[in-house]
Amino acid sequence: MSAYIEELKVAIRYLHGGEATHVESVPVKETFQGKTVWEGTVHVFDLEGHPRATRAYAWSHLVGDVGERRRFYAVLHLGGIRSPLDAVRAAIVAENKGRKR
């Protein structure tokens, strides 16, 4: 298994608890008013040991001017989150709410 998948598993454990098992990698492209707002690969994991969720979606991207660190995202398959695209949309909304505060 790749080191990147292992990093995502650690991020899921840190952010939400439970043990993740990689299931698949899904290309996702989110557009708004005809423009791409996010494009990348979301990794789908089965999740054991979490009190409510049995699946998680995770990805990361480089941040900073020279990409010196990586920001990890891990979204649980709960409520309205039913797909990798739903997870990306939820993360975009959460980030935009955080910026407005």
N, C-alpha and C. Protein backbone atom coordinates (compact mmCIF):
# COMPACT_ATOMS: atom_id res chain seq x y z
N MET A 1 0.85 -1.18 0.00
CA MET A 1 0.00 0.00 0.00
C MET A 1 0.89 1.24 0.00
N SER A 2 0.45 2.25 -0.69
CA SER A 2 1.29 3.43 -0.83
C SER A 2 1.40 4.21 0.48
N ALA A 3 2.49 4.94 0.60
CA ALA A 3 2.71 5.77 1.79
C ALA A 3 1.63 6.83 1.91
N TYR A 4 1.14 7.34 0.77
CA TYR A 4 0.09 8.35 0.80
C TYR A 4 -1.21 7.80 1.40
N ILE A 5 -1.59 6.61 1.02
CA ILE A 5 -2.79 5.97 1.59
C ILE A 5 -2.60 5.78 3.08
N GLU A 6 -1.42 5.41 3.50
CA GLU A 6 -1.14 5.26 4.93
C GLU A 6 -1.28 6.59 5.66
N GLU A 7 -0.81 7.68 5.03
CA GLU A 7 -0.97 9.01 5.63
C GLU A 7 -2.45 9.37 5.78
N LEU A 8 -3.24 9.04 4.77
CA LEU A 8 -4.68 9.32 4.85
C LEU A 8 -5.34 8.51 5.97
N LYS A 9 -4.92 7.27 6.13
CA LYS A 9 -5.46 6.44 7.22
C LYS A 9 -5.13 7.04 8.58
N VAL A 10 -3.91 7.57 8.73
CA VAL A 10 -3.52 8.23 9.98
C VAL A 10 -4.38 9.47 10.20
N ALA A 11 -4.61 10.23 9.14
CA ALA A 11 -5.44 11.44 9.26
C ALA A 11 -6.86 11.08 9.70
N ILE A 12 -7.43 10.04 9.13
CA ILE A 12 -8.78 9.60 9.52
C ILE A 12 -8.80 9.21 10.99
N ARG A 13 -7.81 8.44 11.41
CA ARG A 13 -7.72 8.00 12.81
C ARG A 13 -7.60 9.21 13.74
N TYR A 14 -6.77 10.16 13.37
CA TYR A 14 -6.54 11.36 14.19
C TYR A 14 -7.80 12.24 14.27
N LEU A 15 -8.44 12.45 13.13
CA LEU A 15 -9.58 13.36 13.08
C LEU A 15 -10.88 12.74 13.59
N HIS A 16 -11.06 11.42 13.37
CA HIS A 16 -12.36 10.82 13.67
C HIS A 16 -12.30 9.55 14.52
N GLY A 17 -11.14 8.95 14.63
CA GLY A 17 -11.04 7.68 15.34
C GLY A 17 -11.39 6.52 14.43
N GLY A 18 -11.15 5.33 14.89
CA GLY A 18 -11.43 4.14 14.10
C GLY A 18 -10.28 3.77 13.18
N GLU A 19 -10.38 2.58 12.64
CA GLU A 19 -9.36 2.07 11.73
C GLU A 19 -9.92 2.01 10.32
N ALA A 20 -9.18 2.58 9.38
CA ALA A 20 -9.64 2.69 8.00
C ALA A 20 -8.98 1.66 7.10
N THR A 21 -9.76 1.12 6.17
CA THR A 21 -9.28 0.20 5.15
C THR A 21 -9.61 0.78 3.79
N HIS A 22 -8.60 0.97 2.96
CA HIS A 22 -8.81 1.59 1.65
C HIS A 22 -9.66 0.69 0.76
N VAL A 23 -10.67 1.30 0.12
CA VAL A 23 -11.59 0.57 -0.76
C VAL A 23 -11.34 0.92 -2.22
N GLU A 24 -11.30 2.23 -2.51
CA GLU A 24 -11.12 2.67 -3.89
C GLU A 24 -10.70 4.13 -3.92
N SER A 25 -10.25 4.56 -5.10
CA SER A 25 -9.89 5.96 -5.33
C SER A 25 -10.75 6.47 -6.47
N VAL A 26 -11.39 7.62 -6.25
CA VAL A 26 -12.39 8.13 -7.19
C VAL A 26 -12.02 9.54 -7.65
N PRO A 27 -11.92 9.75 -8.97
CA PRO A 27 -11.68 11.11 -9.46
C PRO A 27 -12.94 11.95 -9.27
N VAL A 28 -12.76 13.18 -8.77
CA VAL A 28 -13.89 14.07 -8.51
C VAL A 28 -13.59 15.43 -9.11
N LYS A 29 -14.60 16.00 -9.73
CA LYS A 29 -14.49 17.37 -10.25
C LYS A 29 -15.75 18.11 -9.84
N GLU A 30 -15.58 19.17 -9.07
CA GLU A 30 -16.70 19.99 -8.62
C GLU A 30 -16.66 21.32 -9.35
N THR A 31 -17.79 21.69 -9.96
CA THR A 31 -17.88 22.95 -10.67
C THR A 31 -18.96 23.83 -10.05
N PHE A 32 -18.80 25.12 -10.24
CA PHE A 32 -19.80 26.08 -9.78
C PHE A 32 -19.88 27.18 -10.83
N GLN A 33 -21.07 27.39 -11.34
CA GLN A 33 -21.31 28.38 -12.40
C GLN A 33 -20.36 28.18 -13.57
N GLY A 34 -20.18 26.91 -13.94
CA GLY A 34 -19.37 26.57 -15.10
C GLY A 34 -17.87 26.56 -14.89
N LYS A 35 -17.41 26.87 -13.68
CA LYS A 35 -15.98 26.89 -13.40
C LYS A 35 -15.61 25.77 -12.43
N THR A 36 -14.45 25.17 -12.64
CA THR A 36 -13.96 24.13 -11.74
C THR A 36 -13.49 24.78 -10.44
N VAL A 37 -14.07 24.33 -9.32
CA VAL A 37 -13.66 24.86 -8.01
C VAL A 37 -12.78 23.86 -7.26
N TRP A 38 -12.85 22.60 -7.64
CA TRP A 38 -11.98 21.58 -7.04
C TRP A 38 -11.92 20.39 -7.98
N GLU A 39 -10.71 19.85 -8.15
CA GLU A 39 -10.54 18.65 -8.95
C GLU A 39 -9.42 17.82 -8.35
N GLY A 40 -9.67 16.56 -8.15
CA GLY A 40 -8.65 15.68 -7.59
C GLY A 40 -9.20 14.29 -7.35
N THR A 41 -8.48 13.52 -6.57
CA THR A 41 -8.87 12.15 -6.26
C THR A 41 -9.26 12.07 -4.80
N VAL A 42 -10.43 11.48 -4.56
CA VAL A 42 -10.90 11.23 -3.20
C VAL A 42 -10.77 9.73 -2.96
N HIS A 43 -10.20 9.39 -1.82
CA HIS A 43 -9.98 7.99 -1.47
C HIS A 43 -11.07 7.56 -0.50
N VAL A 44 -11.67 6.42 -0.80
CA VAL A 44 -12.79 5.89 -0.02
C VAL A 44 -12.26 4.80 0.90
N PHE A 45 -12.67 4.86 2.16
CA PHE A 45 -12.22 3.90 3.16
C PHE A 45 -13.40 3.31 3.91
N ASP A 46 -13.34 2.02 4.18
CA ASP A 46 -14.25 1.42 5.15
C ASP A 46 -13.69 1.77 6.52
N LEU A 47 -14.58 1.99 7.49
CA LEU A 47 -14.15 2.45 8.80
C LEU A 47 -14.69 1.52 9.87
N GLU A 48 -13.80 1.02 10.71
CA GLU A 48 -14.18 0.17 11.85
C GLU A 48 -13.84 0.88 13.14
N GLY A 49 -14.71 0.73 14.13
CA GLY A 49 -14.44 1.28 15.44
C GLY A 49 -14.96 2.69 15.66
N HIS A 50 -15.62 3.25 14.67
CA HIS A 50 -16.25 4.56 14.86
C HIS A 50 -17.68 4.32 15.37
N PRO A 51 -18.16 5.13 16.31
CA PRO A 51 -19.48 4.86 16.88
C PRO A 51 -20.65 4.99 15.90
N ARG A 52 -20.49 5.78 14.82
CA ARG A 52 -21.63 5.97 13.92
C ARG A 52 -21.33 5.72 12.45
N ALA A 53 -20.14 6.02 12.01
CA ALA A 53 -19.83 5.92 10.58
C ALA A 53 -19.13 4.60 10.25
N THR A 54 -19.43 4.07 9.07
CA THR A 54 -18.77 2.86 8.58
C THR A 54 -17.91 3.14 7.35
N ARG A 55 -17.89 4.41 6.92
CA ARG A 55 -17.11 4.78 5.74
C ARG A 55 -16.59 6.20 5.92
N ALA A 56 -15.45 6.48 5.29
CA ALA A 56 -14.87 7.82 5.31
C ALA A 56 -14.28 8.12 3.94
N TYR A 57 -14.20 9.42 3.64
CA TYR A 57 -13.62 9.90 2.39
C TYR A 57 -12.45 10.81 2.77
N ALA A 58 -11.31 10.64 2.10
CA ALA A 58 -10.13 11.41 2.49
C ALA A 58 -9.31 11.81 1.28
N TRP A 59 -8.64 12.97 1.42
CA TRP A 59 -7.73 13.48 0.41
C TRP A 59 -6.87 14.55 1.07
N SER A 60 -5.90 15.05 0.33
CA SER A 60 -5.07 16.14 0.85
C SER A 60 -4.59 16.99 -0.31
N HIS A 61 -4.02 18.14 0.05
CA HIS A 61 -3.37 18.98 -0.95
C HIS A 61 -2.28 19.78 -0.27
N LEU A 62 -1.32 20.24 -1.08
CA LEU A 62 -0.22 21.05 -0.56
C LEU A 62 -0.71 22.46 -0.30
N VAL A 63 -0.23 23.07 0.79
CA VAL A 63 -0.59 24.45 1.13
C VAL A 63 0.67 25.26 1.33
N GLY A 64 0.52 26.56 1.27
CA GLY A 64 1.67 27.44 1.41
C GLY A 64 2.21 27.84 0.05
N ASP A 65 3.04 28.85 0.05
CA ASP A 65 3.58 29.38 -1.19
C ASP A 65 4.42 28.37 -1.96
N VAL A 66 5.15 27.56 -1.25
CA VAL A 66 6.01 26.58 -1.93
C VAL A 66 5.59 25.15 -1.61
N GLY A 67 4.35 24.99 -1.13
CA GLY A 67 3.85 23.66 -0.85
C GLY A 67 4.63 22.94 0.22
N GLU A 68 4.97 23.67 1.28
CA GLU A 68 5.82 23.08 2.31
C GLU A 68 5.09 22.16 3.28
N ARG A 69 3.78 22.20 3.27
CA ARG A 69 3.05 21.28 4.14
C ARG A 69 1.78 20.82 3.44
N ARG A 70 1.15 19.81 4.00
CA ARG A 70 0.00 19.18 3.39
C ARG A 70 -1.21 19.33 4.30
N ARG A 71 -2.35 19.68 3.74
CA ARG A 71 -3.61 19.77 4.48
C ARG A 71 -4.41 18.52 4.18
N PHE A 72 -4.84 17.82 5.24
CA PHE A 72 -5.60 16.60 5.08
C PHE A 72 -7.07 16.84 5.36
N TYR A 73 -7.91 16.18 4.59
CA TYR A 73 -9.36 16.22 4.75
C TYR A 73 -9.84 14.79 4.98
N ALA A 74 -10.74 14.63 5.92
CA ALA A 74 -11.37 13.33 6.16
C ALA A 74 -12.82 13.60 6.54
N VAL A 75 -13.73 13.15 5.70
CA VAL A 75 -15.15 13.42 5.88
C VAL A 75 -15.87 12.08 6.06
N LEU A 76 -16.70 12.01 7.09
CA LEU A 76 -17.42 10.77 7.38
C LEU A 76 -18.66 10.63 6.51
N HIS A 77 -19.00 9.40 6.21
CA HIS A 77 -20.20 9.03 5.45
C HIS A 77 -21.38 9.04 6.43
N LEU A 78 -21.88 10.24 6.72
CA LEU A 78 -22.99 10.43 7.65
C LEU A 78 -23.91 11.51 7.11
N GLY A 79 -25.16 11.48 7.55
CA GLY A 79 -26.11 12.52 7.15
C GLY A 79 -26.23 12.59 5.64
N GLY A 80 -26.02 13.77 5.11
CA GLY A 80 -26.13 13.97 3.66
C GLY A 80 -24.90 13.58 2.88
N ILE A 81 -23.87 13.11 3.55
CA ILE A 81 -22.62 12.72 2.87
C ILE A 81 -22.76 11.26 2.45
N ARG A 82 -22.97 11.05 1.14
CA ARG A 82 -23.20 9.72 0.61
C ARG A 82 -22.23 9.31 -0.50
N SER A 83 -21.30 10.23 -0.86
CA SER A 83 -20.40 9.95 -1.97
C SER A 83 -19.14 10.80 -1.84
N PRO A 84 -18.11 10.48 -2.60
CA PRO A 84 -16.92 11.33 -2.60
C PRO A 84 -17.24 12.78 -2.99
N LEU A 85 -18.13 12.97 -3.96
CA LEU A 85 -18.50 14.33 -4.36
C LEU A 85 -19.19 15.07 -3.21
N ASP A 86 -20.08 14.40 -2.49
CA ASP A 86 -20.72 15.01 -1.32
C ASP A 86 -19.67 15.45 -0.30
N ALA A 87 -18.66 14.61 -0.10
CA ALA A 87 -17.61 14.92 0.88
C ALA A 87 -16.84 16.17 0.47
N VAL A 88 -16.50 16.28 -0.80
CA VAL A 88 -15.79 17.45 -1.30
C VAL A 88 -16.66 18.70 -1.13
N ARG A 89 -17.92 18.60 -1.49
CA ARG A 89 -18.82 19.74 -1.36
C ARG A 89 -18.91 20.19 0.10
N ALA A 90 -19.03 19.24 1.02
CA ALA A 90 -19.11 19.58 2.45
C ALA A 90 -17.83 20.27 2.92
N ALA A 91 -16.69 19.80 2.46
CA ALA A 91 -15.41 20.42 2.84
C ALA A 91 -15.30 21.84 2.30
N ILE A 92 -15.75 22.06 1.06
CA ILE A 92 -15.71 23.40 0.47
C ILE A 92 -16.60 24.34 1.27
N VAL A 93 -17.81 23.90 1.61
CA VAL A 93 -18.73 24.73 2.39
C VAL A 93 -18.13 25.05 3.75
N ALA A 94 -17.55 24.05 4.42
CA ALA A 94 -16.96 24.26 5.74
C ALA A 94 -15.79 25.25 5.67
N GLU A 95 -14.95 25.13 4.65
CA GLU A 95 -13.83 26.06 4.50
C GLU A 95 -14.32 27.48 4.25
N ASN A 96 -15.33 27.64 3.42
CA ASN A 96 -15.85 28.97 3.12
C ASN A 96 -16.50 29.59 4.33
N LYS A 97 -17.18 28.80 5.15
CA LYS A 97 -17.76 29.32 6.39
C LYS A 97 -16.66 29.78 7.34
N GLY A 98 -15.58 29.02 7.41
CA GLY A 98 -14.46 29.36 8.28
C GLY A 98 -13.78 30.66 7.85
N ARG A 99 -13.70 30.90 6.55
CA ARG A 99 -13.08 32.13 6.04
C ARG A 99 -13.93 33.36 6.33
N LYS A 100 -15.23 33.19 6.39
CA LYS A 100 -16.13 34.33 6.60
C LYS A 100 -16.16 34.77 8.04
N ARG A 101 -15.68 33.95 8.95
CA ARG A 101 -15.70 34.30 10.39
C ARG A 101 -14.61 35.25 10.76
